[in-house]
């Protein structure tokens, strides 16, 4: 099986936002194969590492199998919430885009599958 280093955006979409002092990132796979791959490879540790400069106190992962989705909650990353946070993105709206730019070694068969199954 051949793998290609590629951004997650080729096999998923994401949306993110604030929940008080926390941010959440919902990732939805483009098909079942992509979802199965993301279940194995898109871990709490990898997401925590990606956002380490923002110092989340923890990263939690919730599975949404009926939606082929994964929701990540980055605890305390917004340092008091949108009204108190001094970061440029005080609501975490760009976090989903940052996650979609993360590159993983994705199996070629997952990348070329486009039937939505």
PDB file of N, CA and C in Angstrom:
ATOM      1  N   UNK A   1       0.851  -1.171   0.000  1.00  0.00           N
ATOM      2  CA  UNK A   1       0.000   0.000   0.000  1.00  0.00           C
ATOM      3  C   UNK A   1       0.899   1.238   0.000  1.00  0.00           C
ATOM      4  N   UNK A   2       0.701   2.108  -0.957  1.00  0.00           N
ATOM      5  CA  UNK A   2       1.479   3.326  -1.097  1.00  0.00           C
ATOM      6  C   UNK A   2       0.823   4.475  -0.326  1.00  0.00           C
ATOM      7  N   UNK A   3       1.657   5.283   0.337  1.00  0.00           N
ATOM      8  CA  UNK A   3       1.185   6.432   1.105  1.00  0.00           C
ATOM      9  C   UNK A   3       1.760   7.716   0.519  1.00  0.00           C
ATOM     10  N   UNK A   4       1.001   8.776   0.651  1.00  0.00           N
ATOM     11  CA  UNK A   4       1.424  10.088   0.159  1.00  0.00           C
ATOM     12  C   UNK A   4       1.269  11.092   1.295  1.00  0.00           C
ATOM     13  N   UNK A   5       2.307  11.905   1.509  1.00  0.00           N
ATOM     14  CA  UNK A   5       2.200  12.980   2.507  1.00  0.00           C
ATOM     15  C   UNK A   5       1.295  14.051   1.906  1.00  0.00           C
ATOM     16  N   UNK A   6       0.167  14.283   2.573  1.00  0.00           N
ATOM     17  CA  UNK A   6      -0.834  15.207   2.037  1.00  0.00           C
ATOM     18  C   UNK A   6      -1.616  15.839   3.178  1.00  0.00           C
ATOM     19  N   UNK A   7      -2.186  17.013   2.941  1.00  0.00           N
ATOM     20  CA  UNK A   7      -2.991  17.661   3.983  1.00  0.00           C
ATOM     21  C   UNK A   7      -4.320  16.946   4.186  1.00  0.00           C
ATOM     22  N   UNK A   8      -4.800  16.998   5.402  1.00  0.00           N
ATOM     23  CA  UNK A   8      -6.075  16.365   5.752  1.00  0.00           C
ATOM     24  C   UNK A   8      -7.217  16.917   4.905  1.00  0.00           C
ATOM     25  N   UNK A   9      -7.102  18.168   4.443  1.00  0.00           N
ATOM     26  CA  UNK A   9      -8.183  18.786   3.678  1.00  0.00           C
ATOM     27  C   UNK A   9      -8.563  18.004   2.422  1.00  0.00           C
ATOM     28  N   UNK A  10      -7.673  17.126   1.953  1.00  0.00           N
ATOM     29  CA  UNK A  10      -7.994  16.329   0.767  1.00  0.00           C
ATOM     30  C   UNK A  10      -8.984  15.213   1.065  1.00  0.00           C
ATOM     31  N   UNK A  11      -9.177  14.897   2.347  1.00  0.00           N
ATOM     32  CA  UNK A  11     -10.090  13.803   2.694  1.00  0.00           C
ATOM     33  C   UNK A  11     -11.143  14.198   3.729  1.00  0.00           C
ATOM     34  N   UNK A  12     -11.151  15.471   4.127  1.00  0.00           N
ATOM     35  CA  UNK A  12     -12.099  15.893   5.172  1.00  0.00           C
ATOM     36  C   UNK A  12     -12.360  17.392   5.090  1.00  0.00           C
ATOM     37  N   UNK A  13     -13.368  17.802   5.827  1.00  0.00           N
ATOM     38  CA  UNK A  13     -13.670  19.219   6.013  1.00  0.00           C
ATOM     39  C   UNK A  13     -13.725  19.477   7.519  1.00  0.00           C
ATOM     40  N   UNK A  14     -13.702  20.737   7.910  1.00  0.00           N
ATOM     41  CA  UNK A  14     -13.714  21.040   9.340  1.00  0.00           C
ATOM     42  C   UNK A  14     -14.412  22.367   9.602  1.00  0.00           C
ATOM     43  N   UNK A  15     -14.850  22.504  10.834  1.00  0.00           N
ATOM     44  CA  UNK A  15     -15.430  23.758  11.306  1.00  0.00           C
ATOM     45  C   UNK A  15     -15.020  23.899  12.770  1.00  0.00           C
ATOM     46  N   UNK A  16     -14.710  25.115  13.168  1.00  0.00           N
ATOM     47  CA  UNK A  16     -14.261  25.312  14.539  1.00  0.00           C
ATOM     48  C   UNK A  16     -14.859  26.579  15.130  1.00  0.00           C
ATOM     49  N   UNK A  17     -14.790  26.665  16.450  1.00  0.00           N
ATOM     50  CA  UNK A  17     -15.304  27.844  17.125  1.00  0.00           C
ATOM     51  C   UNK A  17     -15.082  27.765  18.618  1.00  0.00           C
ATOM     52  N   UNK A  18     -15.565  28.798  19.305  1.00  0.00           N
ATOM     53  CA  UNK A  18     -15.321  28.890  20.736  1.00  0.00           C
ATOM     54  C   UNK A  18     -16.475  28.331  21.544  1.00  0.00           C
ATOM     55  N   UNK A  19     -16.111  27.834  22.689  1.00  0.00           N
ATOM     56  CA  UNK A  19     -17.057  27.378  23.713  1.00  0.00           C
ATOM     57  C   UNK A  19     -16.516  27.892  25.036  1.00  0.00           C
ATOM     58  N   UNK A  20     -16.720  29.177  25.285  1.00  0.00           N
ATOM     59  CA  UNK A  20     -16.149  29.799  26.480  1.00  0.00           C
ATOM     60  C   UNK A  20     -14.644  29.888  26.336  1.00  0.00           C
ATOM     61  N   UNK A  21     -13.930  29.338  27.283  1.00  0.00           N
ATOM     62  CA  UNK A  21     -12.471  29.365  27.267  1.00  0.00           C
ATOM     63  C   UNK A  21     -11.880  28.250  26.408  1.00  0.00           C
ATOM     64  N   UNK A  22     -12.743  27.398  25.907  1.00  0.00           N
ATOM     65  CA  UNK A  22     -12.307  26.247  25.118  1.00  0.00           C
ATOM     66  C   UNK A  22     -12.658  26.464  23.642  1.00  0.00           C
ATOM     67  N   UNK A  23     -11.991  25.715  22.783  1.00  0.00           N
ATOM     68  CA  UNK A  23     -12.326  25.730  21.356  1.00  0.00           C
ATOM     69  C   UNK A  23     -12.638  24.304  20.935  1.00  0.00           C
ATOM     70  N   UNK A  24     -13.519  24.177  19.963  1.00  0.00           N
ATOM     71  CA  UNK A  24     -13.758  22.847  19.419  1.00  0.00           C
ATOM     72  C   UNK A  24     -13.528  22.868  17.920  1.00  0.00           C
ATOM     73  N   UNK A  25     -13.091  21.714  17.414  1.00  0.00           N
ATOM     74  CA  UNK A  25     -12.859  21.535  15.985  1.00  0.00           C
ATOM     75  C   UNK A  25     -13.589  20.265  15.573  1.00  0.00           C
ATOM     76  N   UNK A  26     -14.582  20.418  14.715  1.00  0.00           N
ATOM     77  CA  UNK A  26     -15.290  19.272  14.168  1.00  0.00           C
ATOM     78  C   UNK A  26     -14.699  18.922  12.819  1.00  0.00           C
ATOM     79  N   UNK A  27     -14.317  17.661  12.644  1.00  0.00           N
ATOM     80  CA  UNK A  27     -13.732  17.174  11.398  1.00  0.00           C
ATOM     81  C   UNK A  27     -14.687  16.128  10.824  1.00  0.00           C
ATOM     82  N   UNK A  28     -15.062  16.286   9.556  1.00  0.00           N
ATOM     83  CA  UNK A  28     -15.961  15.320   8.916  1.00  0.00           C
ATOM     84  C   UNK A  28     -15.262  14.746   7.690  1.00  0.00           C
ATOM     85  N   UNK A  29     -15.131  13.440   7.677  1.00  0.00           N
ATOM     86  CA  UNK A  29     -14.451  12.742   6.583  1.00  0.00           C
ATOM     87  C   UNK A  29     -15.304  12.752   5.329  1.00  0.00           C
ATOM     88  N   UNK A  30     -14.656  12.714   4.192  1.00  0.00           N
ATOM     89  CA  UNK A  30     -15.362  12.748   2.904  1.00  0.00           C
ATOM     90  C   UNK A  30     -15.964  11.397   2.525  1.00  0.00           C
ATOM     91  N   UNK A  31     -15.492  10.322   3.126  1.00  0.00           N
ATOM     92  CA  UNK A  31     -16.048   8.997   2.853  1.00  0.00           C
ATOM     93  C   UNK A  31     -15.658   8.047   3.986  1.00  0.00           C
ATOM     94  N   UNK A  32     -16.204   6.859   3.969  1.00  0.00           N
ATOM     95  CA  UNK A  32     -15.996   5.891   5.052  1.00  0.00           C
ATOM     96  C   UNK A  32     -14.521   5.506   5.198  1.00  0.00           C
ATOM     97  N   UNK A  33     -13.822   5.304   4.084  1.00  0.00           N
ATOM     98  CA  UNK A  33     -12.401   4.951   4.152  1.00  0.00           C
ATOM     99  C   UNK A  33     -11.592   6.063   4.800  1.00  0.00           C
ATOM    100  N   UNK A  34     -11.895   7.297   4.451  1.00  0.00           N
ATOM    101  CA  UNK A  34     -11.200   8.437   5.045  1.00  0.00           C
ATOM    102  C   UNK A  34     -11.485   8.497   6.545  1.00  0.00           C
ATOM    103  N   UNK A  35     -12.718   8.226   6.940  1.00  0.00           N
ATOM    104  CA  UNK A  35     -13.075   8.236   8.358  1.00  0.00           C
ATOM    105  C   UNK A  35     -12.287   7.172   9.123  1.00  0.00           C
ATOM    106  N   UNK A  36     -12.235   5.964   8.580  1.00  0.00           N
ATOM    107  CA  UNK A  36     -11.495   4.883   9.232  1.00  0.00           C
ATOM    108  C   UNK A  36     -10.019   5.251   9.375  1.00  0.00           C
ATOM    109  N   UNK A  37      -9.457   5.889   8.357  1.00  0.00           N
ATOM    110  CA  UNK A  37      -8.074   6.336   8.420  1.00  0.00           C
ATOM    111  C   UNK A  37      -7.898   7.397   9.509  1.00  0.00           C
ATOM    112  N   UNK A  38      -8.786   8.382   9.538  1.00  0.00           N
ATOM    113  CA  UNK A  38      -8.687   9.460  10.526  1.00  0.00           C
ATOM    114  C   UNK A  38      -8.858   8.932  11.952  1.00  0.00           C
ATOM    115  N   UNK A  39      -9.681   7.921  12.136  1.00  0.00           N
ATOM    116  CA  UNK A  39      -9.835   7.327  13.464  1.00  0.00           C
ATOM    117  C   UNK A  39      -8.499   6.824  13.995  1.00  0.00           C
ATOM    118  N   UNK A  40      -7.705   6.258  13.106  1.00  0.00           N
ATOM    119  CA  UNK A  40      -6.402   5.718  13.505  1.00  0.00           C
ATOM    120  C   UNK A  40      -5.327   6.780  13.626  1.00  0.00           C
ATOM    121  N   UNK A  41      -5.340   7.752  12.738  1.00  0.00           N
ATOM    122  CA  UNK A  41      -4.210   8.678  12.617  1.00  0.00           C
ATOM    123  C   UNK A  41      -4.411  10.057  13.240  1.00  0.00           C
ATOM    124  N   UNK A  42      -5.627  10.524  13.320  1.00  0.00           N
ATOM    125  CA  UNK A  42      -5.872  11.869  13.852  1.00  0.00           C
ATOM    126  C   UNK A  42      -6.184  11.743  15.345  1.00  0.00           C
ATOM    127  N   UNK A  43      -5.133  11.693  16.128  1.00  0.00           N
ATOM    128  CA  UNK A  43      -5.238  11.412  17.560  1.00  0.00           C
ATOM    129  C   UNK A  43      -5.216  12.690  18.392  1.00  0.00           C
ATOM    130  N   UNK A  44      -5.573  12.552  19.640  1.00  0.00           N
ATOM    131  CA  UNK A  44      -5.482  13.668  20.585  1.00  0.00           C
ATOM    132  C   UNK A  44      -4.051  14.187  20.665  1.00  0.00           C
ATOM    133  N   UNK A  45      -3.095  13.276  20.685  1.00  0.00           N
ATOM    134  CA  UNK A  45      -1.688  13.682  20.782  1.00  0.00           C
ATOM    135  C   UNK A  45      -1.249  14.509  19.573  1.00  0.00           C
ATOM    136  N   UNK A  46      -1.661  14.109  18.378  1.00  0.00           N
ATOM    137  CA  UNK A  46      -1.268  14.856  17.175  1.00  0.00           C
ATOM    138  C   UNK A  46      -1.917  16.241  17.142  1.00  0.00           C
ATOM    139  N   UNK A  47      -3.162  16.323  17.549  1.00  0.00           N
ATOM    140  CA  UNK A  47      -3.841  17.622  17.578  1.00  0.00           C
ATOM    141  C   UNK A  47      -3.231  18.495  18.670  1.00  0.00           C
ATOM    142  N   UNK A  48      -2.931  17.909  19.808  1.00  0.00           N
ATOM    143  CA  UNK A  48      -2.286  18.649  20.885  1.00  0.00           C
ATOM    144  C   UNK A  48      -0.930  19.183  20.435  1.00  0.00           C
ATOM    145  N   UNK A  49      -0.186  18.382  19.724  1.00  0.00           N
ATOM    146  CA  UNK A  49       1.120  18.809  19.212  1.00  0.00           C
ATOM    147  C   UNK A  49       0.978  19.956  18.214  1.00  0.00           C
ATOM    148  N   UNK A  50      -0.009  19.859  17.334  1.00  0.00           N
ATOM    149  CA  UNK A  50      -0.233  20.914  16.335  1.00  0.00           C
ATOM    150  C   UNK A  50      -0.509  22.264  17.005  1.00  0.00           C
ATOM    151  N   UNK A  51      -1.271  22.250  18.076  1.00  0.00           N
ATOM    152  CA  UNK A  51      -1.665  23.482  18.755  1.00  0.00           C
ATOM    153  C   UNK A  51      -0.858  23.739  20.031  1.00  0.00           C
ATOM    154  N   UNK A  52       0.294  23.114  20.161  1.00  0.00           N
ATOM    155  CA  UNK A  52       1.077  23.217  21.395  1.00  0.00           C
ATOM    156  C   UNK A  52       1.466  24.656  21.739  1.00  0.00           C
ATOM    157  N   UNK A  53       1.713  25.492  20.744  1.00  0.00           N
ATOM    158  CA  UNK A  53       2.086  26.887  21.025  1.00  0.00           C
ATOM    159  C   UNK A  53       0.954  27.674  21.681  1.00  0.00           C
ATOM    160  N   UNK A  54      -0.275  27.187  21.519  1.00  0.00           N
ATOM    161  CA  UNK A  54      -1.425  27.853  22.140  1.00  0.00           C
ATOM    162  C   UNK A  54      -1.695  27.315  23.542  1.00  0.00           C
ATOM    163  N   UNK A  55      -0.922  26.358  23.969  1.00  0.00           N
ATOM    164  CA  UNK A  55      -0.939  25.755  25.309  1.00  0.00           C
ATOM    165  C   UNK A  55      -2.320  25.310  25.813  1.00  0.00           C
ATOM    166  N   UNK A  56      -3.001  24.446  25.075  1.00  0.00           N
ATOM    167  CA  UNK A  56      -4.242  23.900  25.635  1.00  0.00           C
ATOM    168  C   UNK A  56      -3.904  23.059  26.868  1.00  0.00           C
ATOM    169  N   UNK A  57      -4.757  23.119  27.886  1.00  0.00           N
ATOM    170  CA  UNK A  57      -4.500  22.303  29.078  1.00  0.00           C
ATOM    171  C   UNK A  57      -4.715  20.820  28.775  1.00  0.00           C
ATOM    172  N   UNK A  58      -5.573  20.521  27.817  1.00  0.00           N
ATOM    173  CA  UNK A  58      -5.772  19.157  27.343  1.00  0.00           C
ATOM    174  C   UNK A  58      -6.526  19.204  26.017  1.00  0.00           C
ATOM    175  N   UNK A  59      -6.474  18.099  25.296  1.00  0.00           N
ATOM    176  CA  UNK A  59      -7.232  17.939  24.060  1.00  0.00           C
ATOM    177  C   UNK A  59      -8.052  16.664  24.202  1.00  0.00           C
ATOM    178  N   UNK A  60      -9.351  16.787  24.018  1.00  0.00           N
ATOM    179  CA  UNK A  60     -10.257  15.636  24.116  1.00  0.00           C
ATOM    180  C   UNK A  60     -10.809  15.321  22.733  1.00  0.00           C
ATOM    181  N   UNK A  61     -11.009  14.044  22.456  1.00  0.00           N
ATOM    182  CA  UNK A  61     -11.526  13.610  21.156  1.00  0.00           C
ATOM    183  C   UNK A  61     -12.824  12.849  21.370  1.00  0.00           C
ATOM    184  N   UNK A  62     -13.844  13.249  20.599  1.00  0.00           N
ATOM    185  CA  UNK A  62     -15.149  12.591  20.643  1.00  0.00           C
ATOM    186  C   UNK A  62     -15.476  12.068  19.251  1.00  0.00           C
ATOM    187  N   UNK A  63     -15.895  10.824  19.169  1.00  0.00           N
ATOM    188  CA  UNK A  63     -16.210  10.204  17.883  1.00  0.00           C
ATOM    189  C   UNK A  63     -17.684  10.365  17.562  1.00  0.00           C
ATOM    190  N   UNK A  64     -17.971  10.656  16.308  1.00  0.00           N
ATOM    191  CA  UNK A  64     -19.335  10.809  15.806  1.00  0.00           C
ATOM    192  C   UNK A  64     -19.492   9.897  14.595  1.00  0.00           C
ATOM    193  N   UNK A  65     -19.573   8.582  14.811  1.00  0.00           N
ATOM    194  CA  UNK A  65     -19.537   7.627  13.699  1.00  0.00           C
ATOM    195  C   UNK A  65     -20.676   7.773  12.695  1.00  0.00           C
ATOM    196  N   UNK A  66     -21.864   8.159  13.144  1.00  0.00           N
ATOM    197  CA  UNK A  66     -22.980   8.313  12.204  1.00  0.00           C
ATOM    198  C   UNK A  66     -22.770   9.464  11.232  1.00  0.00           C
ATOM    199  N   UNK A  67     -21.922  10.418  11.617  1.00  0.00           N
ATOM    200  CA  UNK A  67     -21.602  11.565  10.754  1.00  0.00           C
ATOM    201  C   UNK A  67     -20.253  11.412  10.084  1.00  0.00           C
ATOM    202  N   UNK A  68     -19.556  10.311  10.374  1.00  0.00           N
ATOM    203  CA  UNK A  68     -18.171  10.112   9.943  1.00  0.00           C
ATOM    204  C   UNK A  68     -17.332  11.294  10.409  1.00  0.00           C
ATOM    205  N   UNK A  69     -17.560  11.679  11.673  1.00  0.00           N
ATOM    206  CA  UNK A  69     -16.903  12.860  12.216  1.00  0.00           C
ATOM    207  C   UNK A  69     -16.161  12.605  13.506  1.00  0.00           C
ATOM    208  N   UNK A  70     -15.263  13.527  13.800  1.00  0.00           N
ATOM    209  CA  UNK A  70     -14.511  13.543  15.044  1.00  0.00           C
ATOM    210  C   UNK A  70     -14.549  14.975  15.562  1.00  0.00           C
ATOM    211  N   UNK A  71     -14.857  15.137  16.836  1.00  0.00           N
ATOM    212  CA  UNK A  71     -14.852  16.467  17.435  1.00  0.00           C
ATOM    213  C   UNK A  71     -13.727  16.539  18.461  1.00  0.00           C
ATOM    214  N   UNK A  72     -12.902  17.567  18.329  1.00  0.00           N
ATOM    215  CA  UNK A  72     -11.817  17.805  19.282  1.00  0.00           C
ATOM    216  C   UNK A  72     -12.163  19.026  20.113  1.00  0.00           C
ATOM    217  N   UNK A  73     -11.943  18.930  21.419  1.00  0.00           N
ATOM    218  CA  UNK A  73     -12.110  20.065  22.315  1.00  0.00           C
ATOM    219  C   UNK A  73     -10.734  20.408  22.864  1.00  0.00           C
ATOM    220  N   UNK A  74     -10.305  21.639  22.619  1.00  0.00           N
ATOM    221  CA  UNK A  74      -9.027  22.135  23.111  1.00  0.00           C
ATOM    222  C   UNK A  74      -9.327  22.958  24.358  1.00  0.00           C
ATOM    223  N   UNK A  75      -9.041  22.387  25.508  1.00  0.00           N
ATOM    224  CA  UNK A  75      -9.381  23.005  26.790  1.00  0.00           C
ATOM    225  C   UNK A  75      -8.481  24.204  27.085  1.00  0.00           C
ATOM    226  N   UNK A  76      -9.097  25.274  27.536  1.00  0.00           N
ATOM    227  CA  UNK A  76      -8.421  26.483  28.011  1.00  0.00           C
ATOM    228  C   UNK A  76      -7.515  27.154  26.979  1.00  0.00           C
ATOM    229  N   UNK A  77      -7.742  26.875  25.718  1.00  0.00           N
ATOM    230  CA  UNK A  77      -6.887  27.440  24.669  1.00  0.00           C
ATOM    231  C   UNK A  77      -7.225  28.901  24.374  1.00  0.00           C
ATOM    232  N   UNK A  78      -8.426  29.342  24.740  1.00  0.00           N
ATOM    233  CA  UNK A  78      -8.834  30.723  24.466  1.00  0.00           C
ATOM    234  C   UNK A  78      -8.652  31.640  25.662  1.00  0.00           C
ATOM    235  N   UNK A  79      -8.058  31.143  26.707  1.00  0.00           N
ATOM    236  CA  UNK A  79      -7.618  31.960  27.843  1.00  0.00           C
ATOM    237  C   UNK A  79      -8.671  32.953  28.334  1.00  0.00           C
ATOM    238  N   UNK A  80      -9.827  32.440  28.684  1.00  0.00           N
ATOM    239  CA  UNK A  80     -10.872  33.297  29.250  1.00  0.00           C
ATOM    240  C   UNK A  80     -12.051  33.528  28.323  1.00  0.00           C
ATOM    241  N   UNK A  81     -11.980  33.060  27.110  1.00  0.00           N
ATOM    242  CA  UNK A  81     -13.087  33.216  26.170  1.00  0.00           C
ATOM    243  C   UNK A  81     -12.916  34.408  25.255  1.00  0.00           C
ATOM    244  N   UNK A  82     -13.807  34.524  24.295  1.00  0.00           N
ATOM    245  CA  UNK A  82     -13.695  35.530  23.236  1.00  0.00           C
ATOM    246  C   UNK A  82     -13.579  36.957  23.770  1.00  0.00           C
ATOM    247  N   UNK A  83     -14.316  37.282  24.808  1.00  0.00           N
ATOM    248  CA  UNK A  83     -14.293  38.652  25.325  1.00  0.00           C
ATOM    249  C   UNK A  83     -12.999  38.979  26.064  1.00  0.00           C
ATOM    250  N   UNK A  84     -12.343  37.964  26.624  1.00  0.00           N
ATOM    251  CA  UNK A  84     -11.144  38.205  27.430  1.00  0.00           C
ATOM    252  C   UNK A  84      -9.842  37.863  26.714  1.00  0.00           C
ATOM    253  N   UNK A  85      -9.920  37.029  25.694  1.00  0.00           N
ATOM    254  CA  UNK A  85      -8.718  36.547  25.015  1.00  0.00           C
ATOM    255  C   UNK A  85      -8.098  37.649  24.153  1.00  0.00           C
ATOM    256  N   UNK A  86      -6.792  37.792  24.247  1.00  0.00           N
ATOM    257  CA  UNK A  86      -6.087  38.812  23.481  1.00  0.00           C
ATOM    258  C   UNK A  86      -5.476  38.266  22.187  1.00  0.00           C
ATOM    259  N   UNK A  87      -5.756  37.022  21.849  1.00  0.00           N
ATOM    260  CA  UNK A  87      -5.249  36.444  20.607  1.00  0.00           C
ATOM    261  C   UNK A  87      -5.981  37.043  19.415  1.00  0.00           C
ATOM    262  N   UNK A  88      -5.326  37.034  18.268  1.00  0.00           N
ATOM    263  CA  UNK A  88      -5.951  37.541  17.039  1.00  0.00           C
ATOM    264  C   UNK A  88      -7.235  36.773  16.749  1.00  0.00           C
ATOM    265  N   UNK A  89      -7.200  35.464  16.908  1.00  0.00           N
ATOM    266  CA  UNK A  89      -8.379  34.630  16.689  1.00  0.00           C
ATOM    267  C   UNK A  89      -8.951  34.242  18.052  1.00  0.00           C
ATOM    268  N   UNK A  90      -9.636  35.149  18.683  1.00  0.00           N
ATOM    269  CA  UNK A  90     -10.129  34.926  20.034  1.00  0.00           C
ATOM    270  C   UNK A  90     -11.297  33.946  20.097  1.00  0.00           C
ATOM    271  N   UNK A  91     -11.849  33.569  18.944  1.00  0.00           N
ATOM    272  CA  UNK A  91     -12.969  32.623  18.922  1.00  0.00           C
ATOM    273  C   UNK A  91     -12.601  31.273  18.319  1.00  0.00           C
ATOM    274  N   UNK A  92     -11.352  31.093  17.946  1.00  0.00           N
ATOM    275  CA  UNK A  92     -10.908  29.800  17.426  1.00  0.00           C
ATOM    276  C   UNK A  92     -11.447  29.460  16.056  1.00  0.00           C
ATOM    277  N   UNK A  93     -11.896  30.458  15.303  1.00  0.00           N
ATOM    278  CA  UNK A  93     -12.514  30.199  13.997  1.00  0.00           C
ATOM    279  C   UNK A  93     -11.526  29.657  12.967  1.00  0.00           C
ATOM    280  N   UNK A  94     -10.236  29.937  13.128  1.00  0.00           N
ATOM    281  CA  UNK A  94      -9.243  29.463  12.153  1.00  0.00           C
ATOM    282  C   UNK A  94      -8.624  28.124  12.536  1.00  0.00           C
ATOM    283  N   UNK A  95      -8.976  27.594  13.691  1.00  0.00           N
ATOM    284  CA  UNK A  95      -8.377  26.347  14.139  1.00  0.00           C
ATOM    285  C   UNK A  95      -8.684  25.185  13.190  1.00  0.00           C
ATOM    286  N   UNK A  96      -9.896  25.153  12.656  1.00  0.00           N
ATOM    287  CA  UNK A  96     -10.265  24.095  11.712  1.00  0.00           C
ATOM    288  C   UNK A  96      -9.405  24.139  10.463  1.00  0.00           C
ATOM    289  N   UNK A  97      -9.159  25.339   9.958  1.00  0.00           N
ATOM    290  CA  UNK A  97      -8.299  25.481   8.775  1.00  0.00           C
ATOM    291  C   UNK A  97      -6.882  25.019   9.073  1.00  0.00           C
ATOM    292  N   UNK A  98      -6.386  25.361  10.254  1.00  0.00           N
ATOM    293  CA  UNK A  98      -5.041  24.926  10.646  1.00  0.00           C
ATOM    294  C   UNK A  98      -4.963  23.404  10.691  1.00  0.00           C
ATOM    295  N   UNK A  99      -6.000  22.773  11.238  1.00  0.00           N
ATOM    296  CA  UNK A  99      -6.011  21.313  11.312  1.00  0.00           C
ATOM    297  C   UNK A  99      -6.071  20.694   9.920  1.00  0.00           C
ATOM    298  N   UNK A 100      -6.863  21.277   9.032  1.00  0.00           N
ATOM    299  CA  UNK A 100      -6.961  20.738   7.674  1.00  0.00           C
ATOM    300  C   UNK A 100      -5.646  20.850   6.912  1.00  0.00           C
ATOM    301  N   UNK A 101      -4.794  21.772   7.311  1.00  0.00           N
ATOM    302  CA  UNK A 101      -3.476  21.911   6.675  1.00  0.00           C
ATOM    303  C   UNK A 101      -2.449  20.925   7.215  1.00  0.00           C
ATOM    304  N   UNK A 102      -2.777  20.247   8.319  1.00  0.00           N
ATOM    305  CA  UNK A 102      -1.857  19.242   8.873  1.00  0.00           C
ATOM    306  C   UNK A 102      -1.647  18.136   7.844  1.00  0.00           C
ATOM    307  N   UNK A 103      -0.410  17.771   7.634  1.00  0.00           N
ATOM    308  CA  UNK A 103      -0.104  16.704   6.689  1.00  0.00           C
ATOM    309  C   UNK A 103       0.078  15.381   7.416  1.00  0.00           C
ATOM    310  N   UNK A 104      -0.494  14.345   6.831  1.00  0.00           N
ATOM    311  CA  UNK A 104      -0.348  12.978   7.312  1.00  0.00           C
ATOM    312  C   UNK A 104       0.082  12.102   6.144  1.00  0.00           C
ATOM    313  N   UNK A 105       0.614  10.952   6.442  1.00  0.00           N
ATOM    314  CA  UNK A 105       0.922   9.969   5.404  1.00  0.00           C
ATOM    315  C   UNK A 105      -0.375   9.206   5.122  1.00  0.00           C
ATOM    316  N   UNK A 106      -1.054   9.610   4.060  1.00  0.00           N
ATOM    317  CA  UNK A 106      -2.380   9.080   3.738  1.00  0.00           C
ATOM    318  C   UNK A 106      -2.249   8.000   2.665  1.00  0.00           C
ATOM    319  N   UNK A 107      -2.894   6.851   2.868  1.00  0.00           N
ATOM    320  CA  UNK A 107      -2.861   5.813   1.844  1.00  0.00           C
ATOM    321  C   UNK A 107      -3.436   6.338   0.524  1.00  0.00           C
ATOM    322  N   UNK A 108      -2.784   5.985  -0.553  1.00  0.00           N
ATOM    323  CA  UNK A 108      -3.201   6.459  -1.872  1.00  0.00           C
ATOM    324  C   UNK A 108      -4.655   6.106  -2.160  1.00  0.00           C
ATOM    325  N   UNK A 109      -5.098   4.942  -1.749  1.00  0.00           N
ATOM    326  CA  UNK A 109      -6.481   4.526  -2.015  1.00  0.00           C
ATOM    327  C   UNK A 109      -7.498   5.411  -1.292  1.00  0.00           C
ATOM    328  N   UNK A 110      -7.132   5.964  -0.157  1.00  0.00           N
ATOM    329  CA  UNK A 110      -8.019   6.881   0.562  1.00  0.00           C
ATOM    330  C   UNK A 110      -8.087   8.212  -0.185  1.00  0.00           C
ATOM    331  N   UNK A 111      -6.976   8.644  -0.735  1.00  0.00           N
ATOM    332  CA  UNK A 111      -6.925   9.923  -1.462  1.00  0.00           C
ATOM    333  C   UNK A 111      -7.719   9.886  -2.758  1.00  0.00           C
ATOM    334  N   UNK A 112      -7.699   8.773  -3.462  1.00  0.00           N
ATOM    335  CA  UNK A 112      -8.350   8.732  -4.776  1.00  0.00           C
ATOM    336  C   UNK A 112      -9.819   8.355  -4.700  1.00  0.00           C
ATOM    337  N   UNK A 113     -10.266   7.914  -3.562  1.00  0.00           N
ATOM    338  CA  UNK A 113     -11.674   7.527  -3.434  1.00  0.00           C
ATOM    339  C   UNK A 113     -12.542   8.774  -3.398  1.00  0.00           C
ATOM    340  N   UNK A 114     -13.470   8.900  -4.282  1.00  0.00           N
ATOM    341  CA  UNK A 114     -14.283  10.095  -4.334  1.00  0.00           C
ATOM    342  C   UNK A 114     -15.767   9.836  -4.445  1.00  0.00           C
ATOM    343  N   UNK A 115     -16.211   8.623  -4.139  1.00  0.00           N
ATOM    344  CA  UNK A 115     -17.631   8.296  -4.325  1.00  0.00           C
ATOM    345  C   UNK A 115     -18.494   8.586  -3.113  1.00  0.00           C
ATOM    346  N   UNK A 116     -17.874   9.043  -2.011  1.00  0.00           N
ATOM    347  CA  UNK A 116     -18.652   9.399  -0.829  1.00  0.00           C
ATOM    348  C   UNK A 116     -19.142   8.205  -0.032  1.00  0.00           C
ATOM    349  N   UNK A 117     -18.740   7.006  -0.417  1.00  0.00           N
ATOM    350  CA  UNK A 117     -19.195   5.792   0.292  1.00  0.00           C
ATOM    351  C   UNK A 117     -18.468   5.603   1.592  1.00  0.00           C
TER     352      UNK A 117
END
